[in-house]
Every structure is written in structure tokens, then in C-alpha cells.
């Protein structure tokens, strides 16, 4: 699994011109699921995200995790995080999991993150044409790949 995490002042997902999900301060998490991903990737990745200290404390140092701030998380599926541009100019998405595999893992990721944060986690709609709006805070953007455990 690959995630692109952005610390945000706010973020929203719109579908067909209507807002589907919205959060205030917290994390926008773009989630890409590969065809080799399993529940083990979720078990490694979710605690890492929940404990990621990328929020400023009273002195401005990045010492606080999302639960410390009371912020929210918004998860959006994004198979394009597994794009390969090795050959030519048209990305290949062969490594991205197909919906039959990806949807259950996407839902399991959301549920595990909600458990870790002890609050609901709004999402986009898997496979929908979504418009994502965000106000990046910092900016702070972190890339994590469970395959390399970094």
C-alpha cells in the first residue's frame, strides 16, 4: 500500500458537483492498493499513520500526532499511486489491485484507521470521478510505502 498523507486545514471530496465528505484540520490520506497488498500491510500502516508526529506542539515543533490534536482523517482511494512510468509516456497501472481485491482492503483500512483514531473516518467513493479540494497546512506531505516499510 502506498499513501500520500497531507496535513490539511480542511479537505473535501465532491462527486457530481456535490460535497460527499469534508473534514476540518487533520490528514488527507490518498490510498493506493497494489495487487500484492494484504491485511498485513494495513496492520503495519495504520498505527504508523495514527502515531505520525507531524503536528506542531506549543513551541511549533512537530511532536504531536493526529489523536493529540483532535483532528480528523479523510481517506480517498487513488490507484494512480501505483503508476509505472518506466516505459514510454503513458503510465501503466498493472500493479494496482483490481476492485474485487482493492475494495475490501480499502474498507478494512478505513475501519482500522477509525478504530485507531477512535472516531469515524470519512472517505471518497471507490472508483468514482472525484474532485478533491484541500488547504494544505505547512505544507506537510508524507509518502509511505508498506512494501518497503518506509
Protein backbone atom coordinates (compact mmCIF):
# COMPACT_ATOMS: atom_id res chain seq x y z
CA UNK A 1 0.00 0.00 0.00
CA UNK A 2 1.10 3.46 -0.77
CA UNK A 3 -0.22 6.51 0.98
CA UNK A 4 0.31 10.15 0.31
CA UNK A 5 -0.54 11.98 3.52
CA UNK A 6 -1.17 15.70 3.53
CA UNK A 7 -1.63 17.72 6.69
CA UNK A 8 -4.60 19.95 5.94
CA UNK A 9 -6.51 22.84 7.42
CA UNK A 10 -9.51 21.38 5.59
CA UNK A 11 -10.28 18.92 2.79
CA UNK A 12 -13.33 17.74 0.91
CA UNK A 13 -14.43 15.24 -1.71
CA UNK A 14 -17.07 16.27 -4.23
CA UNK A 15 -18.81 13.97 -6.68
CA UNK A 16 -21.01 15.32 -9.45
CA UNK A 17 -20.73 18.83 -8.04
CA UNK A 18 -21.98 17.89 -4.56
CA UNK A 19 -19.79 17.61 -1.46
CA UNK A 20 -19.65 13.98 -0.38
CA UNK A 21 -17.22 14.26 2.57
CA UNK A 22 -15.50 17.11 4.38
CA UNK A 23 -13.04 17.47 7.26
CA UNK A 24 -11.53 20.35 9.14
CA UNK A 25 -7.94 20.23 10.40
CA UNK A 26 -6.29 16.84 10.07
CA UNK A 27 -4.99 14.49 7.40
CA UNK A 28 -6.00 13.85 3.82
CA UNK A 29 -4.83 10.32 3.04
CA UNK A 30 -4.64 9.23 -0.59
CA UNK A 31 -4.52 5.41 -0.56
CA UNK A 32 -3.19 3.25 -3.38
CA UNK A 33 -3.61 -0.51 -3.08
CA UNK A 34 -1.32 -2.86 -5.02
CA UNK A 35 -2.17 -6.33 -6.22
CA UNK A 36 0.28 -7.75 -3.67
CA UNK A 37 -1.22 -5.96 -0.64
CA UNK A 38 -2.85 -7.82 2.24
CA UNK A 39 -4.24 -7.15 5.70
CA UNK A 40 -0.63 -7.28 6.96
CA UNK A 41 0.01 -4.01 5.12
CA UNK A 42 -2.93 -2.42 6.93
CA UNK A 43 -1.72 -3.72 10.31
CA UNK A 44 1.67 -2.09 9.70
CA UNK A 45 0.46 1.11 8.04
CA UNK A 46 -2.47 2.23 10.22
CA UNK A 47 -0.55 2.50 13.52
CA UNK A 48 2.24 4.31 11.67
CA UNK A 49 -0.24 6.90 10.37
CA UNK A 50 -2.12 7.25 13.67
CA UNK A 51 1.12 7.88 15.57
CA UNK A 52 2.82 10.03 12.92
CA UNK A 53 4.04 13.16 14.71
CA UNK A 54 3.56 15.85 12.09
CA UNK A 55 1.55 18.44 14.04
CA UNK A 56 3.12 21.32 15.92
CA UNK A 57 3.18 21.49 19.70
CA UNK A 58 3.03 24.73 21.71
CA UNK A 59 6.60 25.57 20.63
CA UNK A 60 5.93 24.74 16.98
CA UNK A 61 7.97 21.52 16.95
CA UNK A 62 6.42 18.57 15.10
CA UNK A 63 5.76 16.49 18.20
CA UNK A 64 2.01 15.78 18.05
CA UNK A 65 0.10 13.01 16.28
CA UNK A 66 -3.41 13.33 14.90
CA UNK A 67 -5.12 11.94 18.05
CA UNK A 68 -3.29 14.55 20.13
CA UNK A 69 -4.88 17.34 18.10
CA UNK A 70 -8.45 16.05 17.92
CA UNK A 71 -8.21 16.37 14.14
CA UNK A 72 -9.87 14.21 11.52
CA UNK A 73 -8.72 11.97 8.68
CA UNK A 74 -10.23 11.72 5.20
CA UNK A 75 -9.31 8.66 3.09
CA UNK A 76 -9.56 8.68 -0.70
CA UNK A 77 -8.71 5.70 -2.92
CA UNK A 78 -6.17 6.50 -5.61
CA UNK A 79 -4.95 3.65 -7.77
CA UNK A 80 -2.71 6.06 -9.70
CA UNK A 81 -0.25 6.00 -6.79
CA UNK A 82 0.89 2.70 -8.33
CA UNK A 83 1.58 4.17 -11.76
CA UNK A 84 4.69 2.94 -13.50
CA UNK A 85 6.33 5.36 -15.91
CA UNK A 86 9.30 3.13 -16.69
CA UNK A 87 8.42 2.65 -20.36
CA UNK A 88 7.12 5.40 -22.58
CA UNK A 89 4.98 8.33 -21.59
CA UNK A 90 1.71 6.62 -20.80
CA UNK A 91 1.59 5.35 -17.19
CA UNK A 92 0.88 1.69 -16.58
CA UNK A 93 -1.35 0.72 -13.68
CA UNK A 94 -0.74 -3.06 -13.79
CA UNK A 95 0.44 -3.14 -10.16
CA UNK A 96 -2.76 -1.53 -8.86
CA UNK A 97 -5.20 -4.01 -7.32
CA UNK A 98 -8.43 -4.72 -9.16
CA UNK A 99 -11.66 -3.63 -7.44
CA UNK A 100 -12.52 -7.14 -6.21
CA UNK A 101 -9.33 -7.10 -4.13
CA UNK A 102 -8.97 -3.36 -3.53
CA UNK A 103 -12.45 -2.52 -2.21
CA UNK A 104 -12.34 -4.91 0.78
CA UNK A 105 -8.82 -3.70 1.65
CA UNK A 106 -9.87 -0.05 1.27
CA UNK A 107 -12.80 -0.63 3.63
CA UNK A 108 -10.60 -2.57 6.08
CA UNK A 109 -8.07 0.28 6.04
CA UNK A 110 -10.80 2.84 6.77
CA UNK A 111 -12.21 0.72 9.59
CA UNK A 112 -8.79 0.07 11.15
CA UNK A 113 -7.93 3.77 11.00
CA UNK A 114 -11.28 4.67 12.59
CA UNK A 115 -10.52 2.20 15.39
CA UNK A 116 -7.03 3.62 15.88
CA UNK A 117 -8.30 7.21 15.94
CA UNK A 118 -11.45 6.31 17.89
CA UNK A 119 -13.63 8.36 15.52
CA UNK A 120 -15.32 7.87 12.16
CA UNK A 121 -13.17 8.31 9.06
CA UNK A 122 -14.98 9.84 6.08
CA UNK A 123 -13.99 8.66 2.61
CA UNK A 124 -14.44 9.26 -1.05
CA UNK A 125 -16.31 6.74 -3.20
CA UNK A 126 -14.19 3.95 -4.59
CA UNK A 127 -13.95 4.22 -8.38
CA UNK A 128 -15.90 7.48 -8.63
CA UNK A 129 -14.77 10.55 -10.53
CA UNK A 130 -13.98 12.73 -7.52
CA UNK A 131 -12.82 16.29 -7.10
CA UNK A 132 -10.60 16.77 -4.08
CA UNK A 133 -10.24 20.20 -2.52
CA UNK A 134 -7.74 20.86 0.22
CA UNK A 135 -5.92 23.57 2.04
CA UNK A 136 -2.50 22.08 2.68
CA UNK A 137 -1.19 23.06 6.11
CA UNK A 138 2.53 23.72 6.27
CA UNK A 139 2.78 22.32 3.67
CA UNK A 140 3.43 18.91 5.19
CA UNK A 141 3.24 15.99 2.77
CA UNK A 142 4.48 12.49 3.62
CA UNK A 143 4.81 9.43 1.36
CA UNK A 144 4.73 5.95 2.95
CA UNK A 145 5.01 2.61 1.13
CA UNK A 146 4.22 -0.50 3.15
CA UNK A 147 6.20 -2.71 0.73
CA UNK A 148 9.46 -1.02 1.69
CA UNK A 149 8.33 -0.31 5.28
CA UNK A 150 9.44 3.31 4.96
